[in-house]
Structure formats: structure tokens, C-alpha cells
N, C-alpha and C. Protein backbone atom coordinates (compact mmCIF):
# COMPACT_ATOMS: atom_id res chain seq x y z
N UNK A 1 94.58 106.42 65.86
CA UNK A 1 93.80 105.45 66.58
C UNK A 1 93.05 105.94 67.13
N UNK A 2 91.26 106.53 67.27
CA UNK A 2 90.19 106.26 67.54
C UNK A 2 89.57 105.50 68.29
N UNK A 3 89.18 105.31 69.28
CA UNK A 3 88.49 104.80 70.14
C UNK A 3 88.03 105.27 71.48
N UNK A 4 86.13 105.50 71.39
CA UNK A 4 85.50 105.98 72.39
C UNK A 4 84.88 105.56 73.17
N UNK A 5 85.69 104.79 74.65
CA UNK A 5 85.01 104.48 75.59
C UNK A 5 83.93 105.00 76.49
N UNK A 6 83.36 104.86 77.16
CA UNK A 6 82.54 105.66 77.94
C UNK A 6 83.30 105.19 79.70
N UNK A 7 83.31 105.48 80.36
CA UNK A 7 84.19 104.60 81.68
C UNK A 7 82.72 105.12 82.90
N UNK A 8 82.45 104.54 83.64
CA UNK A 8 81.42 104.31 84.69
C UNK A 8 82.10 104.18 85.37
N UNK A 9 81.70 105.87 86.65
CA UNK A 9 82.16 105.17 88.28
C UNK A 9 80.98 105.37 88.74
N UNK A 10 80.80 104.93 90.33
CA UNK A 10 80.25 104.87 91.22
C UNK A 10 80.66 104.71 92.45
N UNK A 11 80.29 105.94 93.50
CA UNK A 11 80.60 105.65 94.49
C UNK A 11 80.05 105.27 95.27
N UNK A 12 81.38 104.53 96.32
CA UNK A 12 80.79 103.19 97.58
C UNK A 12 81.59 104.37 98.90
N UNK A 13 80.68 103.01 99.41
CA UNK A 13 81.40 103.82 100.96
C UNK A 13 83.03 103.72 100.93
N UNK A 14 83.70 102.58 100.24
CA UNK A 14 85.00 102.63 100.31
C UNK A 14 85.93 103.41 99.04
N UNK A 15 84.69 103.79 98.16
CA UNK A 15 86.06 105.21 97.52
C UNK A 15 85.09 104.56 95.88
N UNK A 16 85.57 104.47 95.14
CA UNK A 16 84.58 104.69 93.93
C UNK A 16 85.36 102.75 93.25
N UNK A 17 84.15 102.52 92.54
CA UNK A 17 84.56 101.43 91.80
C UNK A 17 84.20 102.06 89.92
N UNK A 18 85.32 101.14 89.09
CA UNK A 18 84.19 101.91 88.02
C UNK A 18 84.32 100.49 87.12
N UNK A 19 83.44 101.11 85.80
CA UNK A 19 84.30 99.59 84.47
C UNK A 19 83.92 100.56 83.44
N UNK A 20 84.65 99.82 82.45
CA UNK A 20 83.99 100.59 81.05
C UNK A 20 83.05 99.92 80.23
N UNK A 21 82.00 100.29 79.97
CA UNK A 21 80.14 100.45 79.31
C UNK A 21 80.90 99.62 78.41
N UNK A 22 81.20 99.52 77.56
CA UNK A 22 81.76 98.69 76.62
C UNK A 22 83.12 97.70 76.28
N UNK A 23 83.35 97.77 77.14
CA UNK A 23 84.63 96.33 77.23
C UNK A 23 84.58 95.42 79.02
N UNK A 24 83.85 94.37 78.46
CA UNK A 24 83.38 93.77 79.90
C UNK A 24 85.04 92.85 80.15
N UNK A 25 85.58 92.56 81.52
CA UNK A 25 86.29 92.56 82.32
C UNK A 25 87.19 93.78 82.62
N UNK A 26 86.84 95.28 82.22
CA UNK A 26 87.37 96.31 82.45
C UNK A 26 87.13 96.90 83.26
N UNK A 27 88.12 96.64 84.63
CA UNK A 27 86.89 96.69 85.71
C UNK A 27 87.55 97.08 87.18
N UNK A 28 87.86 98.28 88.13
CA UNK A 28 88.80 98.06 88.87
C UNK A 28 88.05 99.38 89.83
N UNK A 29 89.22 99.94 91.10
CA UNK A 29 88.37 100.44 92.33
C UNK A 29 89.32 101.28 92.60
N UNK A 30 88.65 102.48 93.27
CA UNK A 30 90.32 103.60 94.38
C UNK A 30 89.24 103.63 95.31
N UNK A 31 90.76 104.87 96.10
CA UNK A 31 90.04 105.06 97.61
C UNK A 31 89.69 106.42 97.13
N UNK A 32 90.39 106.74 95.42
CA UNK A 32 89.59 108.41 95.37
C UNK A 32 89.46 108.37 93.70
N UNK A 33 88.17 109.21 93.26
CA UNK A 33 88.31 109.26 91.65
C UNK A 33 89.41 109.26 90.51
N UNK A 34 89.85 109.76 91.47
CA UNK A 34 91.56 110.37 90.66
C UNK A 34 92.27 108.92 90.45
N UNK A 35 92.05 107.69 91.54
CA UNK A 35 92.93 106.79 91.23
C UNK A 35 92.55 105.42 91.20
N UNK A 36 90.63 105.74 91.05
CA UNK A 36 90.08 104.78 90.42
C UNK A 36 90.43 105.31 88.24
N UNK A 37 90.64 106.30 88.56
CA UNK A 37 90.28 106.49 86.87
C UNK A 37 91.76 106.21 86.86
N UNK A 38 92.87 106.44 87.02
CA UNK A 38 93.98 106.01 86.93
C UNK A 38 94.23 103.79 86.50
N UNK A 39 93.46 103.49 87.16
CA UNK A 39 93.30 101.98 87.96
C UNK A 39 92.12 101.27 86.52
N UNK A 40 91.16 102.53 85.88
CA UNK A 40 90.93 102.08 85.13
C UNK A 40 91.13 102.57 83.93
N UNK A 41 91.76 102.18 83.42
CA UNK A 41 93.09 103.29 82.26
C UNK A 41 93.87 102.24 82.29
N UNK A 42 94.68 101.82 83.46
CA UNK A 42 95.63 100.59 82.91
C UNK A 42 94.98 99.08 82.66
N UNK A 43 93.47 98.93 83.40
CA UNK A 43 92.82 97.89 83.40
C UNK A 43 92.28 97.70 81.82
N UNK A 44 91.90 98.74 80.75
CA UNK A 44 91.99 98.96 79.77
C UNK A 44 92.91 97.56 78.59
N UNK A 45 93.88 98.37 79.26
CA UNK A 45 95.35 98.10 78.56
C UNK A 45 95.34 96.57 79.10
N UNK A 46 95.57 95.74 80.02
CA UNK A 46 95.83 95.14 80.28
C UNK A 46 94.78 93.98 79.87
N UNK A 47 93.46 94.54 79.93
CA UNK A 47 92.12 93.47 78.90
C UNK A 47 92.64 93.68 77.77
N UNK A 48 93.10 94.29 76.70
CA UNK A 48 92.76 94.69 75.62
C UNK A 48 94.60 93.51 75.29
N UNK A 49 95.65 93.93 76.17
CA UNK A 49 96.97 93.23 75.43
C UNK A 49 96.66 91.38 75.62
N UNK A 50 95.65 91.25 77.07
CA UNK A 50 95.11 90.07 77.34
C UNK A 50 94.72 89.43 76.07
N UNK A 51 94.04 89.61 75.77
CA UNK A 51 93.04 89.67 74.86
C UNK A 51 93.32 88.87 73.26
N UNK A 52 94.47 89.81 73.22
CA UNK A 52 95.62 90.26 71.59
C UNK A 52 96.48 88.99 71.74
N UNK A 53 97.14 88.28 72.85
CA UNK A 53 98.23 87.36 73.49
C UNK A 53 97.15 85.70 72.78
N UNK A 54 95.48 86.00 73.22
CA UNK A 54 95.18 85.20 73.66
C UNK A 54 94.24 84.10 72.09
N UNK A 55 94.33 85.63 71.60
CA UNK A 55 94.08 85.46 70.00
C UNK A 55 95.27 85.03 68.90
N UNK A 56 96.60 85.70 69.47
CA UNK A 56 97.87 85.22 68.99
C UNK A 56 98.24 83.55 69.05
N UNK A 57 97.61 83.36 70.65
CA UNK A 57 97.90 81.85 70.51
C UNK A 57 96.75 81.00 69.56
N UNK A 58 95.70 81.03 69.78
CA UNK A 58 94.92 80.98 69.00
C UNK A 58 94.60 80.89 67.75
N UNK A 59 95.03 81.58 66.53
CA UNK A 59 95.70 81.61 65.43
C UNK A 59 96.99 81.09 65.44
N UNK A 60 97.76 81.36 66.09
CA UNK A 60 99.14 80.28 65.65
C UNK A 60 98.98 79.35 64.85
N UNK A 61 100.04 79.99 63.60
CA UNK A 61 99.78 78.50 62.52
C UNK A 61 99.28 78.23 61.53
N UNK A 62 97.87 79.23 61.88
CA UNK A 62 96.85 79.41 61.01
C UNK A 62 97.35 80.51 59.52
N UNK A 63 96.79 80.37 58.98
CA UNK A 63 96.87 81.23 57.92
C UNK A 63 95.74 83.03 57.86
N UNK A 64 95.65 83.29 58.18
CA UNK A 64 95.14 84.12 58.42
C UNK A 64 95.41 85.51 57.53
N UNK A 65 93.57 86.38 57.52
CA UNK A 65 94.08 87.99 56.82
C UNK A 65 94.00 89.64 57.88
N UNK A 66 94.80 89.72 58.37
CA UNK A 66 94.87 91.21 58.87
C UNK A 66 94.99 92.25 58.80
N UNK A 67 93.61 92.59 59.07
CA UNK A 67 93.64 94.60 58.54
C UNK A 67 92.75 95.68 60.47
N UNK A 68 93.11 96.12 59.62
CA UNK A 68 93.80 97.58 60.67
C UNK A 68 92.10 97.89 60.46
N UNK A 69 91.15 98.08 61.85
CA UNK A 69 89.88 98.34 62.00
C UNK A 69 90.15 99.86 62.77
N UNK A 70 89.31 100.66 61.71
CA UNK A 70 88.89 102.21 62.86
C UNK A 70 87.97 102.64 63.44
N UNK A 71 87.44 102.68 64.69
CA UNK A 71 86.42 103.10 65.28
C UNK A 71 86.24 104.61 65.35
N UNK A 72 85.37 104.78 64.34
CA UNK A 72 85.00 106.86 64.09
C UNK A 72 84.10 107.00 65.36
N UNK A 73 84.01 107.61 66.05
CA UNK A 73 83.13 108.00 67.38
C UNK A 73 81.96 109.38 66.56
N UNK A 74 80.88 108.74 66.62
CA UNK A 74 79.70 109.30 66.33
C UNK A 74 79.06 110.63 66.02
């Protein structure tokens, strides 16, 4: 699966803040750019896992159709 996301980093007095342009809720900070980058990768995983868990709970006991969906970069 290929999904292309855009990480945005901004230099601040404490180091760097970062967020994912296409994924609200995925944001972090770090004292170095490398630390902020690692933290943001983890934040993406946590947001996706949390959203998946919330969805599973809301669909529990319902008859649904699941289909894979691939996002290809333009």
C-alpha cells in the first residue's frame, strides 16, 4: 500500500513543531528536526490506530462491506 502524506515542520524557539497536512490530529514537537520527524511518524500510527478502533466500536454488530482502498500519488 502506498499513501503519500506531507509532513510540515516549523522552527520554534524550543525546537520544531510538526503536523501532517492531510491528517488532522497528527501533530507533535521535538527539540531537533530528527526527533520531531520520529515523533510525527509515531503520531500518524497512533491517530490511524485510534481512528480504526473507534470505527470498529461504532460498527460492532452491524452488517458491513469492507473493501481495500489504495491511494496512489499523482
